Amino acid sequence: MIRTRPLFARLAAVLLALAAPLAVAAPTPESGQVFYQIFFRSFRDSNGDRIGDLKGLTSKLGYIKDLGATTIL
């Protein structure tokens, strides 16, 4: 009598292992980067309506750069 069950079980295990998705590492930020997160609507208002806007944000880019930030979120 030929033992096919252990062979079949090993073959099935190998096929399942090959079919499983490979783990992908999440991208990591470059070392030395400093992130500065801004809540846009409350950061800087340029036209007096008390709501932050793009013009207000761009007027403070120098300040953010002086803080050492390399990326704005």
N, C-alpha and C. Protein backbone atom coordinates (compact mmCIF):
# COMPACT_ATOMS: atom_id res chain seq x y z
N MET A 1 0.82 -1.18 0.00
CA MET A 1 0.00 0.00 0.00
C MET A 1 0.88 1.25 0.00
N ILE A 2 0.59 2.15 -0.89
CA ILE A 2 1.37 3.39 -1.03
C ILE A 2 0.75 4.48 -0.14
N ARG A 3 1.61 5.18 0.58
CA ARG A 3 1.13 6.25 1.47
C ARG A 3 1.06 7.56 0.68
N THR A 4 -0.10 7.90 0.24
CA THR A 4 -0.27 9.13 -0.54
C THR A 4 -0.75 10.29 0.32
N ARG A 5 -1.34 9.97 1.45
CA ARG A 5 -1.89 11.05 2.29
C ARG A 5 -0.80 12.00 2.79
N PRO A 6 0.31 11.54 3.39
CA PRO A 6 1.35 12.48 3.83
C PRO A 6 1.94 13.27 2.67
N LEU A 7 2.11 12.63 1.54
CA LEU A 7 2.64 13.33 0.37
C LEU A 7 1.66 14.40 -0.09
N PHE A 8 0.38 14.05 -0.12
CA PHE A 8 -0.64 15.02 -0.52
C PHE A 8 -0.69 16.19 0.46
N ALA A 9 -0.58 15.91 1.75
CA ALA A 9 -0.62 16.96 2.77
C ALA A 9 0.57 17.90 2.63
N ARG A 10 1.74 17.35 2.36
CA ARG A 10 2.93 18.18 2.17
C ARG A 10 2.81 19.03 0.91
N LEU A 11 2.32 18.43 -0.15
CA LEU A 11 2.13 19.17 -1.40
C LEU A 11 1.12 20.30 -1.21
N ALA A 12 0.03 20.01 -0.51
CA ALA A 12 -0.99 21.04 -0.26
C ALA A 12 -0.41 22.16 0.59
N ALA A 13 0.40 21.83 1.58
CA ALA A 13 1.01 22.85 2.44
C ALA A 13 1.95 23.75 1.65
N VAL A 14 2.73 23.16 0.76
CA VAL A 14 3.64 23.95 -0.07
C VAL A 14 2.87 24.86 -1.01
N LEU A 15 1.83 24.34 -1.63
CA LEU A 15 1.03 25.16 -2.55
C LEU A 15 0.33 26.31 -1.82
N LEU A 16 -0.18 26.04 -0.63
CA LEU A 16 -0.81 27.10 0.15
C LEU A 16 0.20 28.16 0.56
N ALA A 17 1.39 27.74 0.91
CA ALA A 17 2.42 28.70 1.31
C ALA A 17 2.83 29.58 0.13
N LEU A 18 2.89 28.99 -1.06
CA LEU A 18 3.25 29.78 -2.24
C LEU A 18 2.13 30.71 -2.67
N ALA A 19 0.89 30.32 -2.42
CA ALA A 19 -0.24 31.13 -2.83
C ALA A 19 -0.53 32.28 -1.87
N ALA A 20 -0.02 32.19 -0.64
CA ALA A 20 -0.27 33.24 0.35
C ALA A 20 0.42 34.53 -0.09
N PRO A 21 -0.24 35.67 0.10
CA PRO A 21 0.39 36.93 -0.30
C PRO A 21 1.63 37.21 0.55
N LEU A 22 2.62 37.75 -0.09
CA LEU A 22 3.84 38.08 0.62
C LEU A 22 3.63 39.36 1.42
N ALA A 23 4.23 39.44 2.57
CA ALA A 23 4.13 40.65 3.39
C ALA A 23 4.94 41.76 2.74
N VAL A 24 4.33 42.92 2.62
CA VAL A 24 5.00 44.06 2.03
C VAL A 24 5.24 45.09 3.13
N ALA A 25 6.46 45.52 3.24
CA ALA A 25 6.79 46.50 4.28
C ALA A 25 6.20 47.86 3.91
N ALA A 26 5.66 48.53 4.89
CA ALA A 26 5.12 49.87 4.67
C ALA A 26 6.27 50.84 4.41
N PRO A 27 6.05 51.79 3.52
CA PRO A 27 7.12 52.75 3.25
C PRO A 27 7.41 53.57 4.51
N THR A 28 8.67 53.81 4.74
CA THR A 28 9.06 54.60 5.91
C THR A 28 9.59 55.95 5.44
N PRO A 29 9.40 56.98 6.23
CA PRO A 29 9.90 58.28 5.83
C PRO A 29 11.43 58.28 5.82
N GLU A 30 11.97 59.09 4.98
CA GLU A 30 13.42 59.21 4.92
C GLU A 30 13.92 59.73 6.27
N SER A 31 15.07 59.27 6.67
CA SER A 31 15.61 59.75 7.94
C SER A 31 15.99 61.22 7.79
N GLY A 32 15.74 61.97 8.83
CA GLY A 32 16.06 63.39 8.81
C GLY A 32 14.93 64.28 8.35
N GLN A 33 13.81 63.71 7.92
CA GLN A 33 12.68 64.54 7.50
C GLN A 33 11.89 64.98 8.72
N VAL A 34 11.40 66.21 8.66
CA VAL A 34 10.55 66.74 9.73
C VAL A 34 9.21 67.09 9.11
N PHE A 35 8.15 66.48 9.62
CA PHE A 35 6.81 66.72 9.10
C PHE A 35 6.11 67.78 9.94
N TYR A 36 5.37 68.66 9.28
CA TYR A 36 4.59 69.70 9.96
C TYR A 36 3.16 69.57 9.45
N GLN A 37 2.26 69.17 10.34
CA GLN A 37 0.87 68.96 9.94
C GLN A 37 0.06 70.22 10.24
N ILE A 38 -0.74 70.63 9.25
CA ILE A 38 -1.52 71.86 9.36
C ILE A 38 -2.99 71.54 9.20
N PHE A 39 -3.79 72.05 10.13
CA PHE A 39 -5.24 72.05 9.93
C PHE A 39 -5.53 73.34 9.18
N PHE A 40 -5.74 73.21 7.90
CA PHE A 40 -5.76 74.31 6.95
C PHE A 40 -6.71 75.44 7.35
N ARG A 41 -7.93 75.10 7.77
CA ARG A 41 -8.95 76.11 8.02
C ARG A 41 -8.65 76.99 9.24
N SER A 42 -7.78 76.53 10.12
CA SER A 42 -7.48 77.34 11.30
C SER A 42 -6.04 77.82 11.34
N PHE A 43 -5.25 77.58 10.31
CA PHE A 43 -3.84 77.93 10.36
C PHE A 43 -3.61 79.43 10.20
N ARG A 44 -4.02 80.00 9.09
CA ARG A 44 -3.75 81.42 8.81
C ARG A 44 -4.82 81.95 7.88
N ASP A 45 -5.40 83.09 8.27
CA ASP A 45 -6.44 83.75 7.49
C ASP A 45 -5.83 84.98 6.83
N SER A 46 -6.04 85.16 5.55
CA SER A 46 -5.47 86.32 4.86
C SER A 46 -6.51 87.38 4.50
N ASN A 47 -7.79 87.04 4.48
CA ASN A 47 -8.79 88.01 4.03
C ASN A 47 -9.78 88.42 5.11
N GLY A 48 -9.57 88.03 6.35
CA GLY A 48 -10.39 88.50 7.45
C GLY A 48 -11.70 87.78 7.68
N ASP A 49 -11.95 86.67 7.01
CA ASP A 49 -13.22 85.95 7.23
C ASP A 49 -13.10 84.90 8.33
N ARG A 50 -11.97 84.85 9.02
CA ARG A 50 -11.71 83.96 10.15
C ARG A 50 -11.63 82.49 9.76
N ILE A 51 -11.39 82.23 8.49
CA ILE A 51 -11.20 80.86 7.99
C ILE A 51 -9.86 80.84 7.25
N GLY A 52 -8.99 79.91 7.62
CA GLY A 52 -7.70 79.81 6.97
C GLY A 52 -7.83 79.55 5.48
N ASP A 53 -6.87 80.06 4.72
CA ASP A 53 -6.92 79.90 3.27
C ASP A 53 -5.52 79.69 2.71
N LEU A 54 -5.46 79.39 1.42
CA LEU A 54 -4.19 79.07 0.77
C LEU A 54 -3.24 80.26 0.79
N LYS A 55 -3.75 81.45 0.58
CA LYS A 55 -2.91 82.65 0.61
C LYS A 55 -2.29 82.82 1.99
N GLY A 56 -3.07 82.57 3.03
CA GLY A 56 -2.53 82.65 4.39
C GLY A 56 -1.46 81.61 4.64
N LEU A 57 -1.67 80.41 4.12
CA LEU A 57 -0.67 79.35 4.28
C LEU A 57 0.62 79.71 3.57
N THR A 58 0.52 80.17 2.33
CA THR A 58 1.73 80.50 1.58
C THR A 58 2.47 81.69 2.20
N SER A 59 1.75 82.56 2.89
CA SER A 59 2.42 83.70 3.54
C SER A 59 3.28 83.24 4.72
N LYS A 60 3.05 82.06 5.24
CA LYS A 60 3.80 81.55 6.39
C LYS A 60 4.78 80.43 6.04
N LEU A 61 5.04 80.21 4.76
CA LEU A 61 5.96 79.14 4.38
C LEU A 61 7.37 79.38 4.91
N GLY A 62 7.80 80.63 4.94
CA GLY A 62 9.11 80.95 5.49
C GLY A 62 9.21 80.57 6.96
N TYR A 63 8.16 80.85 7.71
CA TYR A 63 8.10 80.49 9.14
C TYR A 63 8.21 78.98 9.32
N ILE A 64 7.48 78.24 8.50
CA ILE A 64 7.50 76.77 8.59
C ILE A 64 8.88 76.24 8.24
N LYS A 65 9.51 76.85 7.24
CA LYS A 65 10.86 76.44 6.86
C LYS A 65 11.85 76.73 7.98
N ASP A 66 11.70 77.90 8.63
CA ASP A 66 12.59 78.25 9.75
C ASP A 66 12.44 77.28 10.92
N LEU A 67 11.27 76.67 11.07
CA LEU A 67 11.08 75.67 12.11
C LEU A 67 11.86 74.39 11.81
N GLY A 68 12.27 74.21 10.56
CA GLY A 68 13.02 73.02 10.16
C GLY A 68 12.18 71.96 9.49
N ALA A 69 10.93 72.30 9.19
CA ALA A 69 10.05 71.32 8.55
C ALA A 69 10.48 71.10 7.11
N THR A 70 10.47 69.85 6.69
CA THR A 70 10.79 69.52 5.30
C THR A 70 9.56 69.09 4.51
N THR A 71 8.48 68.75 5.21
CA THR A 71 7.26 68.28 4.56
C THR A 71 6.06 68.83 5.31
N ILE A 72 5.08 69.32 4.54
CA ILE A 72 3.83 69.80 5.13
C ILE A 72 2.75 68.78 4.83
N LEU A 73 2.04 68.40 5.86
CA LEU A 73 0.93 67.46 5.70
C LEU A 73 -0.36 68.21 5.83
